[in-house]
Amino acid sequence: MKTIRVVAAVIKAFNEKGEPVIFATQRGYGEFKDGWEFPGGKIEAGESPQAALKREIMEELGTEISVGELIDTVEHDYPAFHLSMDCFWARIVSGKLILNEHEAARWLTKEELDSVEWLPADVRLVELIRDAMSGSICGREHLKGKAARLRE
């Protein structure tokens, strides 16, 4: 089975109430059109996952991000391929989020994470994010990766 390596950005911010929110996008094309996911894309030859993520977010959303810690690498078998997805915390550095490739987007609180239909590969990641948003690592300083959560 063919393996496709991709990266995903879990972009974190705070809403007007000071609650942590995560940016989710609805796919606007292809086999998985209308499913919800975290923005990102394929890693090109010779590119680091972090560089790929910065490039993909600029292409898809017209926004510069800083890439934080690795949350997890999700391995998921779809019928036609195996997906290996490096998922990183990220934050916006500059620019406004513009949907160049997606149907829709939403900022989701922890309580709203189940309000969208996630693509199968993103379901496990959503659970890790929910755990992180529930714990003390969700402070204003920065959401950290799964490894940091396990150390607490």
C-alpha atoms as a PDB file:
ATOM      1  CA  MET A   1       0.000   0.000   0.000  1.00  0.00           C
ATOM      2  CA  LYS A   2       1.272   3.454  -0.914  1.00  0.00           C
ATOM      3  CA  THR A   3       2.254   5.698   2.030  1.00  0.00           C
ATOM      4  CA  ILE A   4       1.573   9.424   1.854  1.00  0.00           C
ATOM      5  CA  ARG A   5       3.470  11.656   4.320  1.00  0.00           C
ATOM      6  CA  VAL A   6       1.711  14.828   5.322  1.00  0.00           C
ATOM      7  CA  VAL A   7       1.782  17.481   8.026  1.00  0.00           C
ATOM      8  CA  ALA A   8      -1.070  19.177   9.867  1.00  0.00           C
ATOM      9  CA  ALA A   9      -1.232  22.398  11.873  1.00  0.00           C
ATOM     10  CA  VAL A  10      -3.299  22.559  15.021  1.00  0.00           C
ATOM     11  CA  ILE A  11      -3.538  26.350  15.130  1.00  0.00           C
ATOM     12  CA  LYS A  12      -4.320  27.589  18.609  1.00  0.00           C
ATOM     13  CA  ALA A  13      -5.625  30.963  19.740  1.00  0.00           C
ATOM     14  CA  PHE A  14      -7.959  32.401  22.366  1.00  0.00           C
ATOM     15  CA  ASN A  15     -11.495  33.620  21.726  1.00  0.00           C
ATOM     16  CA  GLU A  16     -13.041  36.818  23.089  1.00  0.00           C
ATOM     17  CA  LYS A  17     -13.899  34.993  26.343  1.00  0.00           C
ATOM     18  CA  GLY A  18     -10.268  33.979  26.836  1.00  0.00           C
ATOM     19  CA  GLU A  19     -11.013  30.320  26.069  1.00  0.00           C
ATOM     20  CA  PRO A  20      -8.548  28.298  23.996  1.00  0.00           C
ATOM     21  CA  VAL A  21      -9.803  27.587  20.478  1.00  0.00           C
ATOM     22  CA  ILE A  22      -8.487  25.399  17.670  1.00  0.00           C
ATOM     23  CA  PHE A  23      -8.796  26.183  13.938  1.00  0.00           C
ATOM     24  CA  ALA A  24     -10.484  23.508  11.797  1.00  0.00           C
ATOM     25  CA  THR A  25     -11.154  23.513   8.058  1.00  0.00           C
ATOM     26  CA  GLN A  26     -13.727  21.803   5.865  1.00  0.00           C
ATOM     27  CA  ARG A  27     -12.201  20.198   2.796  1.00  0.00           C
ATOM     28  CA  GLY A  28     -13.443  21.763  -0.421  1.00  0.00           C
ATOM     29  CA  TYR A  29     -12.274  19.212  -2.983  1.00  0.00           C
ATOM     30  CA  GLY A  30     -11.535  15.575  -3.776  1.00  0.00           C
ATOM     31  CA  GLU A  31     -12.656  12.268  -2.337  1.00  0.00           C
ATOM     32  CA  PHE A  32     -12.973  13.653   1.190  1.00  0.00           C
ATOM     33  CA  LYS A  33     -14.812  16.867   0.228  1.00  0.00           C
ATOM     34  CA  ASP A  34     -16.870  18.332   3.091  1.00  0.00           C
ATOM     35  CA  GLY A  35     -14.984  16.420   5.806  1.00  0.00           C
ATOM     36  CA  TRP A  36     -13.331  18.455   8.558  1.00  0.00           C
ATOM     37  CA  GLU A  37      -9.584  18.396   9.129  1.00  0.00           C
ATOM     38  CA  PHE A  38      -6.626  20.395  10.331  1.00  0.00           C
ATOM     39  CA  PRO A  39      -4.932  22.406   7.583  1.00  0.00           C
ATOM     40  CA  GLY A  40      -1.675  21.146   6.111  1.00  0.00           C
ATOM     41  CA  GLY A  41      -0.488  19.027   3.232  1.00  0.00           C
ATOM     42  CA  LYS A  42       2.194  16.880   1.656  1.00  0.00           C
ATOM     43  CA  ILE A  43       5.872  17.057   2.509  1.00  0.00           C
ATOM     44  CA  GLU A  44       7.969  17.693  -0.604  1.00  0.00           C
ATOM     45  CA  ALA A  45      11.308  15.963  -1.258  1.00  0.00           C
ATOM     46  CA  GLY A  46      14.105  17.476   0.824  1.00  0.00           C
ATOM     47  CA  GLU A  47      11.686  19.462   2.989  1.00  0.00           C
ATOM     48  CA  SER A  48      11.467  19.194   6.768  1.00  0.00           C
ATOM     49  CA  PRO A  49       7.986  18.635   8.223  1.00  0.00           C
ATOM     50  CA  GLN A  50       8.094  22.085   9.830  1.00  0.00           C
ATOM     51  CA  ALA A  51       9.076  23.818   6.573  1.00  0.00           C
ATOM     52  CA  ALA A  52       6.364  21.892   4.717  1.00  0.00           C
ATOM     53  CA  LEU A  53       3.784  22.994   7.257  1.00  0.00           C
ATOM     54  CA  LYS A  54       4.735  26.664   7.009  1.00  0.00           C
ATOM     55  CA  ARG A  55       4.600  26.468   3.197  1.00  0.00           C
ATOM     56  CA  GLU A  56       1.267  24.637   3.127  1.00  0.00           C
ATOM     57  CA  ILE A  57      -0.417  27.058   5.544  1.00  0.00           C
ATOM     58  CA  MET A  58       0.810  30.024   3.497  1.00  0.00           C
ATOM     59  CA  GLU A  59      -0.552  28.380   0.309  1.00  0.00           C
ATOM     60  CA  GLU A  60      -3.883  27.265   1.795  1.00  0.00           C
ATOM     61  CA  LEU A  61      -4.629  30.107   4.198  1.00  0.00           C
ATOM     62  CA  GLY A  62      -2.360  33.026   3.243  1.00  0.00           C
ATOM     63  CA  THR A  63      -1.046  33.098   6.793  1.00  0.00           C
ATOM     64  CA  GLU A  64       2.405  32.847   8.341  1.00  0.00           C
ATOM     65  CA  ILE A  65       2.605  30.510  11.329  1.00  0.00           C
ATOM     66  CA  SER A  66       5.177  29.496  13.870  1.00  0.00           C
ATOM     67  CA  VAL A  67       5.392  25.746  14.274  1.00  0.00           C
ATOM     68  CA  GLY A  68       5.491  24.439  17.834  1.00  0.00           C
ATOM     69  CA  GLU A  69       5.954  20.990  19.278  1.00  0.00           C
ATOM     70  CA  LEU A  70       4.942  17.746  17.621  1.00  0.00           C
ATOM     71  CA  ILE A  71       1.645  16.557  19.105  1.00  0.00           C
ATOM     72  CA  ASP A  72       1.716  13.117  17.514  1.00  0.00           C
ATOM     73  CA  THR A  73       2.308  11.244  14.275  1.00  0.00           C
ATOM     74  CA  VAL A  74      -0.998   9.755  13.199  1.00  0.00           C
ATOM     75  CA  GLU A  75      -0.859   6.542  11.159  1.00  0.00           C
ATOM     76  CA  HIS A  76      -4.116   5.740   9.370  1.00  0.00           C
ATOM     77  CA  ASP A  77      -5.059   3.246   6.663  1.00  0.00           C
ATOM     78  CA  TYR A  78      -7.497   4.544   4.078  1.00  0.00           C
ATOM     79  CA  PRO A  79      -8.760   2.085   1.422  1.00  0.00           C
ATOM     80  CA  ALA A  80      -6.310   3.288  -1.259  1.00  0.00           C
ATOM     81  CA  PHE A  81      -3.304   4.465   0.797  1.00  0.00           C
ATOM     82  CA  HIS A  82      -1.632   4.680   4.201  1.00  0.00           C
ATOM     83  CA  LEU A  83      -1.451   8.179   5.702  1.00  0.00           C
ATOM     84  CA  SER A  84       1.415   9.185   7.981  1.00  0.00           C
ATOM     85  CA  MET A  85       0.588  12.617   9.414  1.00  0.00           C
ATOM     86  CA  ASP A  86       2.924  14.659  11.627  1.00  0.00           C
ATOM     87  CA  CYS A  87       0.693  16.969  13.679  1.00  0.00           C
ATOM     88  CA  PHE A  88       2.139  20.110  15.251  1.00  0.00           C
ATOM     89  CA  TRP A  89       0.867  22.871  17.505  1.00  0.00           C
ATOM     90  CA  ALA A  90       1.015  26.186  15.656  1.00  0.00           C
ATOM     91  CA  ARG A  91       0.126  29.815  16.126  1.00  0.00           C
ATOM     92  CA  ILE A  92      -0.469  32.681  13.738  1.00  0.00           C
ATOM     93  CA  VAL A  93       2.457  35.055  13.309  1.00  0.00           C
ATOM     94  CA  SER A  94       1.001  37.339  10.634  1.00  0.00           C
ATOM     95  CA  GLY A  95      -1.769  37.534   8.085  1.00  0.00           C
ATOM     96  CA  LYS A  96      -5.480  36.861   8.088  1.00  0.00           C
ATOM     97  CA  LEU A  97      -6.806  33.367   7.520  1.00  0.00           C
ATOM     98  CA  ILE A  98      -8.069  33.232   3.924  1.00  0.00           C
ATOM     99  CA  LEU A  99      -9.734  30.057   2.644  1.00  0.00           C
ATOM    100  CA  ASN A 100      -7.947  29.395  -0.662  1.00  0.00           C
ATOM    101  CA  GLU A 101      -8.738  25.657  -0.794  1.00  0.00           C
ATOM    102  CA  HIS A 102     -11.317  24.969   1.898  1.00  0.00           C
ATOM    103  CA  GLU A 103     -15.114  25.143   1.905  1.00  0.00           C
ATOM    104  CA  ALA A 104     -15.406  26.571   5.410  1.00  0.00           C
ATOM    105  CA  ALA A 105     -13.508  27.010   8.649  1.00  0.00           C
ATOM    106  CA  ARG A 106     -14.302  27.363  12.338  1.00  0.00           C
ATOM    107  CA  TRP A 107     -12.561  28.166  15.589  1.00  0.00           C
ATOM    108  CA  LEU A 108     -13.621  25.413  17.986  1.00  0.00           C
ATOM    109  CA  THR A 109     -13.590  25.352  21.773  1.00  0.00           C
ATOM    110  CA  LYS A 110     -13.045  22.053  23.576  1.00  0.00           C
ATOM    111  CA  GLU A 111     -16.832  21.686  23.894  1.00  0.00           C
ATOM    112  CA  GLU A 112     -17.312  22.232  20.148  1.00  0.00           C
ATOM    113  CA  LEU A 113     -14.766  19.665  18.935  1.00  0.00           C
ATOM    114  CA  ASP A 114     -17.524  17.110  18.272  1.00  0.00           C
ATOM    115  CA  SER A 115     -19.702  19.603  16.377  1.00  0.00           C
ATOM    116  CA  VAL A 116     -18.059  18.827  13.019  1.00  0.00           C
ATOM    117  CA  GLU A 117     -17.616  15.611  11.009  1.00  0.00           C
ATOM    118  CA  TRP A 118     -13.875  14.886  11.247  1.00  0.00           C
ATOM    119  CA  LEU A 119     -12.044  12.909   8.573  1.00  0.00           C
ATOM    120  CA  PRO A 120     -11.116   9.445   9.895  1.00  0.00           C
ATOM    121  CA  ALA A 121      -7.393  10.198  10.262  1.00  0.00           C
ATOM    122  CA  ASP A 122      -8.144  13.267  12.411  1.00  0.00           C
ATOM    123  CA  VAL A 123     -10.359  11.532  14.994  1.00  0.00           C
ATOM    124  CA  ARG A 124      -7.473  10.292  17.182  1.00  0.00           C
ATOM    125  CA  LEU A 125      -5.769  13.680  16.968  1.00  0.00           C
ATOM    126  CA  VAL A 126      -8.962  15.389  18.143  1.00  0.00           C
ATOM    127  CA  GLU A 127      -8.909  13.212  21.265  1.00  0.00           C
ATOM    128  CA  LEU A 128      -5.318  14.240  22.024  1.00  0.00           C
ATOM    129  CA  ILE A 129      -6.260  17.889  21.517  1.00  0.00           C
ATOM    130  CA  ARG A 130      -9.285  17.532  23.781  1.00  0.00           C
ATOM    131  CA  ASP A 131      -7.033  16.104  26.506  1.00  0.00           C
ATOM    132  CA  ALA A 132      -4.547  18.958  26.067  1.00  0.00           C
ATOM    133  CA  MET A 133      -7.324  21.569  26.180  1.00  0.00           C
ATOM    134  CA  SER A 134      -8.590  20.001  29.418  1.00  0.00           C
ATOM    135  CA  GLY A 135      -5.228  20.074  31.171  1.00  0.00           C
ATOM    136  CA  SER A 136      -3.081  22.748  32.662  1.00  0.00           C
ATOM    137  CA  ILE A 137      -0.908  22.976  29.554  1.00  0.00           C
ATOM    138  CA  CYS A 138      -3.654  24.994  27.937  1.00  0.00           C
ATOM    139  CA  GLY A 139      -2.422  28.137  29.639  1.00  0.00           C
ATOM    140  CA  ARG A 140      -1.872  31.378  27.797  1.00  0.00           C
ATOM    141  CA  GLU A 141       1.870  30.803  27.478  1.00  0.00           C
ATOM    142  CA  HIS A 142       1.563  28.032  24.883  1.00  0.00           C
ATOM    143  CA  LEU A 143      -0.134  24.716  24.297  1.00  0.00           C
ATOM    144  CA  LYS A 144       2.549  22.070  24.259  1.00  0.00           C
ATOM    145  CA  GLY A 145       2.808  18.617  22.733  1.00  0.00           C
ATOM    146  CA  LYS A 146       1.602  15.304  24.060  1.00  0.00           C
ATOM    147  CA  ALA A 147       5.003  14.528  25.566  1.00  0.00           C
ATOM    148  CA  ALA A 148       4.853  17.625  27.768  1.00  0.00           C
ATOM    149  CA  ARG A 149       1.376  16.628  28.944  1.00  0.00           C
ATOM    150  CA  LEU A 150       2.636  13.198  29.962  1.00  0.00           C
ATOM    151  CA  ARG A 151       5.446  14.745  32.036  1.00  0.00           C
ATOM    152  CA  GLU A 152       3.002  16.745  34.192  1.00  0.00           C
END
